[in-house]
């Protein structure tokens, strides 16, 4: 490795050449003579004492092979210049990339501003969302007909759930407050209290008018002949419309039976009705 020579001034007169403690040359004088030896090139330096008398050597002249090969200053300068040029290119590339990113971001901001302006002029068309409407009702009493072959409305005395679907007056009327397609689903518990055979008919009414082709027939036979039945029907309703469940019997011994809870079985309503508008 090439080192730059540290030219030491002549030691002060007060400094002894021989160290009194060791009997050897003092370190200050030794460094001075050593540097002088190196300065003249270990006996091979081309710089003469006359040159030194004229002035100190230039940087190009002070290249000494003390610990290794001599350093080529010009090559070192060229290498540094190449590195600086490469760094300049990298900085320029980074600046161009940054400019491109800024331009892209500005374009995106302009597009967003255009979209926002368009929304302000013409609001987006939202889908026609249906409000959830539902209801659940049942009756805990046994219901019977008073006259055979006569339409009788089934009533409800308990509201389990109700949101936009509600009981009216009389409580056989089940209203809706929102237009839509509704599914009316019922289940009934039938019983016969005497022998023989009888028919039970059930159907729907809409706003007081029987719904065409909505009836069902159940034949029940024998004493204590319980039968469970269920059906459902879809209605296209307007706000304020109401639906009723009607029945008729050919024998007054046929009834819609309600049974109180008896462990482990919960209570059995005479009718359960659920209504919902989540068809579409």
C-alpha atoms as a PDB file:
ATOM      1  CA  UNK A   1       0.000   0.000   0.000  1.00  0.00           C
ATOM      2  CA  UNK A   2       1.457   3.417  -0.942  1.00  0.00           C
ATOM      3  CA  UNK A   3       1.564   6.079   1.843  1.00  0.00           C
ATOM      4  CA  UNK A   4       2.048   9.830   1.708  1.00  0.00           C
ATOM      5  CA  UNK A   5       5.280  10.848   3.593  1.00  0.00           C
ATOM      6  CA  UNK A   6       4.806  12.871   6.772  1.00  0.00           C
ATOM      7  CA  UNK A   7       7.666  15.399   6.460  1.00  0.00           C
ATOM      8  CA  UNK A   8       8.808  16.108  10.011  1.00  0.00           C
ATOM      9  CA  UNK A   9      10.533  19.364  10.893  1.00  0.00           C
ATOM     10  CA  UNK A  10      14.023  19.275  12.465  1.00  0.00           C
ATOM     11  CA  UNK A  11      13.626  18.611  16.196  1.00  0.00           C
ATOM     12  CA  UNK A  12      14.141  21.509  18.588  1.00  0.00           C
ATOM     13  CA  UNK A  13      17.672  22.070  19.958  1.00  0.00           C
ATOM     14  CA  UNK A  14      16.510  21.150  23.431  1.00  0.00           C
ATOM     15  CA  UNK A  15      15.755  17.602  22.280  1.00  0.00           C
ATOM     16  CA  UNK A  16      18.732  15.300  22.888  1.00  0.00           C
ATOM     17  CA  UNK A  17      19.790  13.060  20.070  1.00  0.00           C
ATOM     18  CA  UNK A  18      20.532  10.274  22.590  1.00  0.00           C
ATOM     19  CA  UNK A  19      17.808   9.452  25.123  1.00  0.00           C
ATOM     20  CA  UNK A  20      19.503   9.616  28.565  1.00  0.00           C
ATOM     21  CA  UNK A  21      17.169   6.926  29.939  1.00  0.00           C
ATOM     22  CA  UNK A  22      17.803   4.281  27.309  1.00  0.00           C
ATOM     23  CA  UNK A  23      21.143   5.287  25.834  1.00  0.00           C
ATOM     24  CA  UNK A  24      19.496   5.000  22.404  1.00  0.00           C
ATOM     25  CA  UNK A  25      18.570   7.592  19.774  1.00  0.00           C
ATOM     26  CA  UNK A  26      15.479   9.497  20.831  1.00  0.00           C
ATOM     27  CA  UNK A  27      12.227   8.758  18.967  1.00  0.00           C
ATOM     28  CA  UNK A  28      11.936  12.331  17.637  1.00  0.00           C
ATOM     29  CA  UNK A  29      15.371  12.295  16.027  1.00  0.00           C
ATOM     30  CA  UNK A  30      14.879   8.749  14.784  1.00  0.00           C
ATOM     31  CA  UNK A  31      11.648   9.754  13.010  1.00  0.00           C
ATOM     32  CA  UNK A  32      13.388  12.756  11.482  1.00  0.00           C
ATOM     33  CA  UNK A  33      16.284  10.695  10.074  1.00  0.00           C
ATOM     34  CA  UNK A  34      13.930   7.940   8.929  1.00  0.00           C
ATOM     35  CA  UNK A  35      11.742  10.403   7.063  1.00  0.00           C
ATOM     36  CA  UNK A  36      14.786  11.954   5.452  1.00  0.00           C
ATOM     37  CA  UNK A  37      15.880   8.489   4.339  1.00  0.00           C
ATOM     38  CA  UNK A  38      12.435   7.787   2.861  1.00  0.00           C
ATOM     39  CA  UNK A  39      12.300  11.220   1.336  1.00  0.00           C
ATOM     40  CA  UNK A  40      15.372  10.497  -0.772  1.00  0.00           C
ATOM     41  CA  UNK A  41      13.759   7.256  -1.961  1.00  0.00           C
ATOM     42  CA  UNK A  42      15.571   4.733   0.137  1.00  0.00           C
ATOM     43  CA  UNK A  43      18.646   5.559  -1.837  1.00  0.00           C
ATOM     44  CA  UNK A  44      16.866   5.404  -5.231  1.00  0.00           C
ATOM     45  CA  UNK A  45      14.587   8.463  -5.276  1.00  0.00           C
ATOM     46  CA  UNK A  46      14.999  10.692  -8.297  1.00  0.00           C
ATOM     47  CA  UNK A  47      14.405  13.818  -6.193  1.00  0.00           C
ATOM     48  CA  UNK A  48      17.763  15.359  -5.333  1.00  0.00           C
ATOM     49  CA  UNK A  49      18.714  17.483  -2.366  1.00  0.00           C
ATOM     50  CA  UNK A  50      18.983  20.401  -4.780  1.00  0.00           C
ATOM     51  CA  UNK A  51      15.361  19.847  -5.728  1.00  0.00           C
ATOM     52  CA  UNK A  52      14.358  19.914  -2.109  1.00  0.00           C
ATOM     53  CA  UNK A  53      16.262  23.120  -1.608  1.00  0.00           C
ATOM     54  CA  UNK A  54      14.308  24.738  -4.408  1.00  0.00           C
ATOM     55  CA  UNK A  55      10.919  23.684  -2.939  1.00  0.00           C
ATOM     56  CA  UNK A  56       8.814  20.761  -1.617  1.00  0.00           C
ATOM     57  CA  UNK A  57       8.029  17.955  -4.066  1.00  0.00           C
ATOM     58  CA  UNK A  58       4.690  17.936  -5.932  1.00  0.00           C
ATOM     59  CA  UNK A  59       1.920  15.424  -5.256  1.00  0.00           C
ATOM     60  CA  UNK A  60       2.880  13.489  -8.382  1.00  0.00           C
ATOM     61  CA  UNK A  61       6.467  13.170  -7.105  1.00  0.00           C
ATOM     62  CA  UNK A  62       5.516  11.930  -3.620  1.00  0.00           C
ATOM     63  CA  UNK A  63       4.756   8.363  -4.624  1.00  0.00           C
ATOM     64  CA  UNK A  64       6.829   5.893  -2.631  1.00  0.00           C
ATOM     65  CA  UNK A  65       6.780   2.123  -2.561  1.00  0.00           C
ATOM     66  CA  UNK A  66       6.984   1.608   1.208  1.00  0.00           C
ATOM     67  CA  UNK A  67       4.597  -1.341   1.726  1.00  0.00           C
ATOM     68  CA  UNK A  68       3.651  -2.327  -1.802  1.00  0.00           C
ATOM     69  CA  UNK A  69       3.446  -1.204  -5.451  1.00  0.00           C
ATOM     70  CA  UNK A  70       3.277   2.465  -6.319  1.00  0.00           C
ATOM     71  CA  UNK A  71      -0.164   4.058  -6.788  1.00  0.00           C
ATOM     72  CA  UNK A  72      -0.956   5.507 -10.171  1.00  0.00           C
ATOM     73  CA  UNK A  73      -2.599   8.810  -9.291  1.00  0.00           C
ATOM     74  CA  UNK A  74      -3.914   9.415 -12.795  1.00  0.00           C
ATOM     75  CA  UNK A  75      -5.577   5.987 -12.863  1.00  0.00           C
ATOM     76  CA  UNK A  76      -7.134   6.661  -9.470  1.00  0.00           C
ATOM     77  CA  UNK A  77      -8.495  10.013 -10.676  1.00  0.00           C
ATOM     78  CA  UNK A  78      -9.923   8.383 -13.808  1.00  0.00           C
ATOM     79  CA  UNK A  79     -11.611   5.688 -11.715  1.00  0.00           C
ATOM     80  CA  UNK A  80     -13.162   8.298  -9.443  1.00  0.00           C
ATOM     81  CA  UNK A  81     -14.361  10.298 -12.432  1.00  0.00           C
ATOM     82  CA  UNK A  82     -15.978   7.153 -13.898  1.00  0.00           C
ATOM     83  CA  UNK A  83     -17.738   6.450 -10.605  1.00  0.00           C
ATOM     84  CA  UNK A  84     -18.968  10.043 -10.409  1.00  0.00           C
ATOM     85  CA  UNK A  85     -20.291   9.816 -13.983  1.00  0.00           C
ATOM     86  CA  UNK A  86     -22.109   6.565 -13.173  1.00  0.00           C
ATOM     87  CA  UNK A  87     -23.659   8.113 -10.062  1.00  0.00           C
ATOM     88  CA  UNK A  88     -24.791  11.079 -12.143  1.00  0.00           C
ATOM     89  CA  UNK A  89     -26.494   8.711 -14.600  1.00  0.00           C
ATOM     90  CA  UNK A  90     -28.264   6.922 -11.738  1.00  0.00           C
ATOM     91  CA  UNK A  91     -29.459  10.228 -10.300  1.00  0.00           C
ATOM     92  CA  UNK A  92     -30.727  11.284 -13.731  1.00  0.00           C
ATOM     93  CA  UNK A  93     -32.550   7.959 -14.169  1.00  0.00           C
ATOM     94  CA  UNK A  94     -34.131   8.314 -10.734  1.00  0.00           C
ATOM     95  CA  UNK A  95     -35.261  11.846 -11.577  1.00  0.00           C
ATOM     96  CA  UNK A  96     -36.835  10.642 -14.840  1.00  0.00           C
ATOM     97  CA  UNK A  97     -38.616   7.804 -13.007  1.00  0.00           C
ATOM     98  CA  UNK A  98     -39.889  10.258 -10.408  1.00  0.00           C
ATOM     99  CA  UNK A  99     -41.139  12.574 -13.146  1.00  0.00           C
ATOM    100  CA  UNK A 100     -42.968   9.665 -14.820  1.00  0.00           C
ATOM    101  CA  UNK A 101     -44.564   8.665 -11.518  1.00  0.00           C
ATOM    102  CA  UNK A 102     -45.679  12.242 -10.886  1.00  0.00           C
ATOM    103  CA  UNK A 103     -47.170  12.462 -14.390  1.00  0.00           C
ATOM    104  CA  UNK A 104     -49.053   9.186 -13.891  1.00  0.00           C
ATOM    105  CA  UNK A 105     -50.386  10.330 -10.516  1.00  0.00           C
ATOM    106  CA  UNK A 106     -51.485  13.651 -11.969  1.00  0.00           C
ATOM    107  CA  UNK A 107     -53.327  11.833 -14.771  1.00  0.00           C
ATOM    108  CA  UNK A 108     -55.115   9.600 -12.260  1.00  0.00           C
ATOM    109  CA  UNK A 109     -56.097  12.621 -10.173  1.00  0.00           C
ATOM    110  CA  UNK A 110     -57.510  14.316 -13.274  1.00  0.00           C
ATOM    111  CA  UNK A 111     -59.519  11.189 -14.142  1.00  0.00           C
ATOM    112  CA  UNK A 112     -60.904  10.992 -10.611  1.00  0.00           C
ATOM    113  CA  UNK A 113     -61.809  14.669 -10.711  1.00  0.00           C
ATOM    114  CA  UNK A 114     -63.628  14.086 -13.989  1.00  0.00           C
ATOM    115  CA  UNK A 115     -65.520  11.132 -12.488  1.00  0.00           C
ATOM    116  CA  UNK A 116     -66.503  13.160  -9.434  1.00  0.00           C
ATOM    117  CA  UNK A 117     -67.683  16.014 -11.627  1.00  0.00           C
ATOM    118  CA  UNK A 118     -69.716  13.571 -13.682  1.00  0.00           C
ATOM    119  CA  UNK A 119     -71.335  12.155 -10.565  1.00  0.00           C
ATOM    120  CA  UNK A 120     -72.240  15.651  -9.426  1.00  0.00           C
ATOM    121  CA  UNK A 121     -73.943  16.346 -12.745  1.00  0.00           C
ATOM    122  CA  UNK A 122     -75.630  12.934 -13.095  1.00  0.00           C
ATOM    123  CA  UNK A 123     -76.005  10.911  -9.861  1.00  0.00           C
ATOM    124  CA  UNK A 124     -75.644   7.159 -10.327  1.00  0.00           C
ATOM    125  CA  UNK A 125     -78.803   5.117 -10.731  1.00  0.00           C
ATOM    126  CA  UNK A 126     -79.206   2.941  -7.665  1.00  0.00           C
ATOM    127  CA  UNK A 127     -80.969  -0.413  -7.887  1.00  0.00           C
ATOM    128  CA  UNK A 128     -84.526  -0.594  -6.656  1.00  0.00           C
ATOM    129  CA  UNK A 129     -83.788  -2.258  -3.336  1.00  0.00           C
ATOM    130  CA  UNK A 130     -86.645  -3.981  -1.569  1.00  0.00           C
ATOM    131  CA  UNK A 131     -87.155  -3.336   2.116  1.00  0.00           C
ATOM    132  CA  UNK A 132     -87.213  -6.524   4.163  1.00  0.00           C
ATOM    133  CA  UNK A 133     -90.770  -7.153   5.325  1.00  0.00           C
ATOM    134  CA  UNK A 134     -91.898 -10.148   7.345  1.00  0.00           C
ATOM    135  CA  UNK A 135     -94.245 -11.368  10.029  1.00  0.00           C
ATOM    136  CA  UNK A 136     -94.957 -14.480  12.086  1.00  0.00           C
ATOM    137  CA  UNK A 137     -98.312 -15.058  13.787  1.00  0.00           C
ATOM    138  CA  UNK A 138    -100.132 -17.941  15.499  1.00  0.00           C
ATOM    139  CA  UNK A 139    -103.210 -18.722  17.602  1.00  0.00           C
ATOM    140  CA  UNK A 140    -103.263 -20.576  20.922  1.00  0.00           C
ATOM    141  CA  UNK A 141    -107.022 -21.286  20.970  1.00  0.00           C
ATOM    142  CA  UNK A 142    -109.103 -24.034  19.366  1.00  0.00           C
ATOM    143  CA  UNK A 143    -111.173 -22.554  16.528  1.00  0.00           C
ATOM    144  CA  UNK A 144    -114.493 -23.993  15.345  1.00  0.00           C
ATOM    145  CA  UNK A 145    -117.200 -23.142  12.826  1.00  0.00           C
ATOM    146  CA  UNK A 146    -120.685 -22.195  14.013  1.00  0.00           C
ATOM    147  CA  UNK A 147    -122.438 -23.153  10.754  1.00  0.00           C
ATOM    148  CA  UNK A 148    -121.545 -25.919   8.327  1.00  0.00           C
ATOM    149  CA  UNK A 149    -120.641 -25.121   4.733  1.00  0.00           C
ATOM    150  CA  UNK A 150    -120.041 -21.481   5.632  1.00  0.00           C
ATOM    151  CA  UNK A 151    -116.843 -19.467   5.071  1.00  0.00           C
ATOM    152  CA  UNK A 152    -115.166 -18.682   8.407  1.00  0.00           C
ATOM    153  CA  UNK A 153    -112.041 -16.543   8.897  1.00  0.00           C
ATOM    154  CA  UNK A 154    -109.166 -17.966  10.938  1.00  0.00           C
ATOM    155  CA  UNK A 155    -107.900 -15.500  13.560  1.00  0.00           C
ATOM    156  CA  UNK A 156    -104.571 -14.968  15.319  1.00  0.00           C
ATOM    157  CA  UNK A 157    -103.926 -13.949  18.917  1.00  0.00           C
ATOM    158  CA  UNK A 158    -100.101 -13.940  19.074  1.00  0.00           C
ATOM    159  CA  UNK A 159     -97.465 -11.948  17.158  1.00  0.00           C
ATOM    160  CA  UNK A 160     -94.070 -13.652  17.061  1.00  0.00           C
ATOM    161  CA  UNK A 161     -92.335 -11.282  14.602  1.00  0.00           C
ATOM    162  CA  UNK A 162     -93.575  -8.229  12.746  1.00  0.00           C
ATOM    163  CA  UNK A 163     -91.832  -5.767  10.464  1.00  0.00           C
ATOM    164  CA  UNK A 164     -94.040  -4.206   7.836  1.00  0.00           C
ATOM    165  CA  UNK A 165     -96.446  -7.155   8.065  1.00  0.00           C
ATOM    166  CA  UNK A 166     -99.059  -6.746  10.797  1.00  0.00           C
ATOM    167  CA  UNK A 167    -102.442  -7.853  12.096  1.00  0.00           C
ATOM    168  CA  UNK A 168    -105.484  -5.684  11.470  1.00  0.00           C
ATOM    169  CA  UNK A 169    -109.016  -5.617  12.803  1.00  0.00           C
ATOM    170  CA  UNK A 170    -110.409  -8.191  12.878  1.00  0.00           C
ATOM    171  CA  UNK A 171    -107.257 -10.195  13.648  1.00  0.00           C
ATOM    172  CA  UNK A 172    -107.883 -12.501  10.708  1.00  0.00           C
ATOM    173  CA  UNK A 173    -106.532  -9.757   8.394  1.00  0.00           C
ATOM    174  CA  UNK A 174    -102.792  -9.731   7.785  1.00  0.00           C
ATOM    175  CA  UNK A 175    -101.659  -6.439   6.172  1.00  0.00           C
ATOM    176  CA  UNK A 176     -98.463  -5.336   4.400  1.00  0.00           C
ATOM    177  CA  UNK A 177     -97.081  -1.772   4.260  1.00  0.00           C
ATOM    178  CA  UNK A 178     -94.862  -2.178   1.186  1.00  0.00           C
ATOM    179  CA  UNK A 179     -95.525  -3.271  -2.376  1.00  0.00           C
ATOM    180  CA  UNK A 180     -93.939  -6.577  -3.370  1.00  0.00           C
ATOM    181  CA  UNK A 181     -94.208 -10.317  -3.804  1.00  0.00           C
ATOM    182  CA  UNK A 182     -95.077 -12.028  -0.495  1.00  0.00           C
ATOM    183  CA  UNK A 183     -95.069 -15.673   0.504  1.00  0.00           C
ATOM    184  CA  UNK A 184     -97.918 -16.626   2.869  1.00  0.00           C
ATOM    185  CA  UNK A 185     -97.164 -19.995   4.446  1.00  0.00           C
ATOM    186  CA  UNK A 186     -99.491 -21.693   6.950  1.00  0.00           C
ATOM    187  CA  UNK A 187     -99.621 -24.875   8.982  1.00  0.00           C
ATOM    188  CA  UNK A 188    -102.763 -26.122  10.787  1.00  0.00           C
ATOM    189  CA  UNK A 189    -103.643 -28.809  13.351  1.00  0.00           C
ATOM    190  CA  UNK A 190    -107.045 -30.449  12.651  1.00  0.00           C
ATOM    191  CA  UNK A 191    -109.124 -32.687  14.922  1.00  0.00           C
ATOM    192  CA  UNK A 192    -112.506 -34.418  14.845  1.00  0.00           C
ATOM    193  CA  UNK A 193    -114.425 -34.871  18.084  1.00  0.00           C
ATOM    194  CA  UNK A 194    -116.919 -37.506  16.931  1.00  0.00           C
ATOM    195  CA  UNK A 195    -117.127 -40.502  14.649  1.00  0.00           C
ATOM    196  CA  UNK A 196    -117.931 -40.478  11.003  1.00  0.00           C
ATOM    197  CA  UNK A 197    -116.294 -38.698   8.098  1.00  0.00           C
ATOM    198  CA  UNK A 198    -116.241 -34.976   7.327  1.00  0.00           C
ATOM    199  CA  UNK A 199    -114.519 -32.573   4.950  1.00  0.00           C
ATOM    200  CA  UNK A 200    -112.426 -29.561   5.863  1.00  0.00           C
ATOM    201  CA  UNK A 201    -111.776 -26.846   3.228  1.00  0.00           C
ATOM    202  CA  UNK A 202    -109.220 -24.052   3.437  1.00  0.00           C
ATOM    203  CA  UNK A 203    -108.402 -21.136   1.044  1.00  0.00           C
ATOM    204  CA  UNK A 204    -107.184 -17.521   0.852  1.00  0.00           C
ATOM    205  CA  UNK A 205    -108.960 -14.186   0.524  1.00  0.00           C
ATOM    206  CA  UNK A 206    -107.352 -10.997  -0.754  1.00  0.00           C
ATOM    207  CA  UNK A 207    -108.921  -7.719   0.345  1.00  0.00           C
ATOM    208  CA  UNK A 208    -112.195  -9.561   1.142  1.00  0.00           C
ATOM    209  CA  UNK A 209    -112.374 -11.467  -2.178  1.00  0.00           C
ATOM    210  CA  UNK A 210    -111.763 -15.207  -2.485  1.00  0.00           C
ATOM    211  CA  UNK A 211    -108.559 -15.997  -4.430  1.00  0.00           C
ATOM    212  CA  UNK A 212    -109.374 -18.212  -7.407  1.00  0.00           C
ATOM    213  CA  UNK A 213    -108.008 -21.770  -7.317  1.00  0.00           C
ATOM    214  CA  UNK A 214    -106.404 -21.358  -3.869  1.00  0.00           C
ATOM    215  CA  UNK A 215    -108.509 -23.933  -1.949  1.00  0.00           C
ATOM    216  CA  UNK A 216    -107.493 -27.312  -0.521  1.00  0.00           C
ATOM    217  CA  UNK A 217    -109.656 -30.183   0.827  1.00  0.00           C
ATOM    218  CA  UNK A 218    -108.885 -32.487   3.740  1.00  0.00           C
ATOM    219  CA  UNK A 219    -111.073 -35.488   4.642  1.00  0.00           C
ATOM    220  CA  UNK A 220    -110.927 -36.456   8.293  1.00  0.00           C
ATOM    221  CA  UNK A 221    -112.491 -39.596   9.762  1.00  0.00           C
ATOM    222  CA  UNK A 222    -113.136 -40.915  13.270  1.00  0.00           C
ATOM    223  CA  UNK A 223    -113.063 -39.519  16.791  1.00  0.00           C
ATOM    224  CA  UNK A 224    -109.772 -37.809  17.879  1.00  0.00           C
ATOM    225  CA  UNK A 225    -108.374 -38.170  14.347  1.00  0.00           C
ATOM    226  CA  UNK A 226    -105.753 -35.387  14.425  1.00  0.00           C
ATOM    227  CA  UNK A 227    -104.279 -34.293  11.110  1.00  0.00           C
ATOM    228  CA  UNK A 228    -101.508 -31.784  10.422  1.00  0.00           C
ATOM    229  CA  UNK A 229    -101.466 -29.907   7.105  1.00  0.00           C
ATOM    230  CA  UNK A 230     -99.496 -27.049   5.530  1.00  0.00           C
ATOM    231  CA  UNK A 231     -99.671 -24.908   2.389  1.00  0.00           C
ATOM    232  CA  UNK A 232     -98.344 -21.653   1.009  1.00  0.00           C
ATOM    233  CA  UNK A 233     -99.272 -19.098  -1.622  1.00  0.00           C
ATOM    234  CA  UNK A 234     -97.509 -16.185  -3.333  1.00  0.00           C
ATOM    235  CA  UNK A 235     -99.225 -12.796  -3.498  1.00  0.00           C
ATOM    236  CA  UNK A 236     -98.378  -9.699  -5.530  1.00  0.00           C
ATOM    237  CA  UNK A 237     -99.465  -7.069  -3.011  1.00  0.00           C
ATOM    238  CA  UNK A 238     -99.707  -3.314  -2.842  1.00  0.00           C
ATOM    239  CA  UNK A 239     -99.116  -1.310   0.317  1.00  0.00           C
ATOM    240  CA  UNK A 240    -102.257  -1.588   2.474  1.00  0.00           C
ATOM    241  CA  UNK A 241    -103.466  -4.898   1.006  1.00  0.00           C
ATOM    242  CA  UNK A 242    -104.500  -7.645   3.418  1.00  0.00           C
ATOM    243  CA  UNK A 243    -104.849 -11.433   3.177  1.00  0.00           C
ATOM    244  CA  UNK A 244    -107.113 -13.771   5.176  1.00  0.00           C
ATOM    245  CA  UNK A 245    -107.161 -17.552   5.622  1.00  0.00           C
ATOM    246  CA  UNK A 246    -110.679 -18.958   5.345  1.00  0.00           C
ATOM    247  CA  UNK A 247    -112.120 -22.405   6.160  1.00  0.00           C
ATOM    248  CA  UNK A 248    -115.374 -24.335   5.917  1.00  0.00           C
ATOM    249  CA  UNK A 249    -116.509 -27.732   7.320  1.00  0.00           C
ATOM    250  CA  UNK A 250    -119.235 -30.220   6.475  1.00  0.00           C
ATOM    251  CA  UNK A 251    -119.506 -31.264  10.140  1.00  0.00           C
ATOM    252  CA  UNK A 252    -119.179 -29.047  13.214  1.00  0.00           C
ATOM    253  CA  UNK A 253    -117.130 -31.753  14.972  1.00  0.00           C
ATOM    254  CA  UNK A 254    -114.159 -30.763  12.815  1.00  0.00           C
ATOM    255  CA  UNK A 255    -112.026 -28.059  14.450  1.00  0.00           C
ATOM    256  CA  UNK A 256    -108.623 -26.372  14.417  1.00  0.00           C
ATOM    257  CA  UNK A 257    -107.104 -27.797  17.576  1.00  0.00           C
ATOM    258  CA  UNK A 258    -104.761 -25.990  20.001  1.00  0.00           C
ATOM    259  CA  UNK A 259    -102.980 -28.010  22.705  1.00  0.00           C
ATOM    260  CA  UNK A 260    -101.169 -26.573  25.720  1.00  0.00           C
ATOM    261  CA  UNK A 261     -97.527 -27.429  26.327  1.00  0.00           C
ATOM    262  CA  UNK A 262     -96.874 -30.753  28.105  1.00  0.00           C
ATOM    263  CA  UNK A 263     -93.254 -31.727  28.760  1.00  0.00           C
ATOM    264  CA  UNK A 264     -91.290 -32.504  26.766  1.00  0.00           C
ATOM    265  CA  UNK A 265     -93.512 -31.097  23.960  1.00  0.00           C
ATOM    266  CA  UNK A 266     -94.106 -27.325  23.593  1.00  0.00           C
ATOM    267  CA  UNK A 267     -97.540 -25.923  22.884  1.00  0.00           C
ATOM    268  CA  UNK A 268     -99.351 -26.720  19.620  1.00  0.00           C
ATOM    269  CA  UNK A 269    -101.050 -23.661  18.050  1.00  0.00           C
ATOM    270  CA  UNK A 270    -104.213 -24.211  16.004  1.00  0.00           C
ATOM    271  CA  UNK A 271    -102.566 -22.278  13.135  1.00  0.00           C
ATOM    272  CA  UNK A 272     -99.128 -20.801  12.395  1.00  0.00           C
ATOM    273  CA  UNK A 273     -98.657 -18.194   9.649  1.00  0.00           C
ATOM    274  CA  UNK A 274     -95.344 -16.798   8.353  1.00  0.00           C
ATOM    275  CA  UNK A 275     -95.135 -14.009   5.767  1.00  0.00           C
ATOM    276  CA  UNK A 276     -92.043 -12.687   3.975  1.00  0.00           C
ATOM    277  CA  UNK A 277     -91.240 -10.580   0.913  1.00  0.00           C
ATOM    278  CA  UNK A 278     -87.738 -11.939   0.192  1.00  0.00           C
ATOM    279  CA  UNK A 279     -88.910 -13.703  -2.960  1.00  0.00           C
ATOM    280  CA  UNK A 280     -86.767 -11.643  -5.387  1.00  0.00           C
END
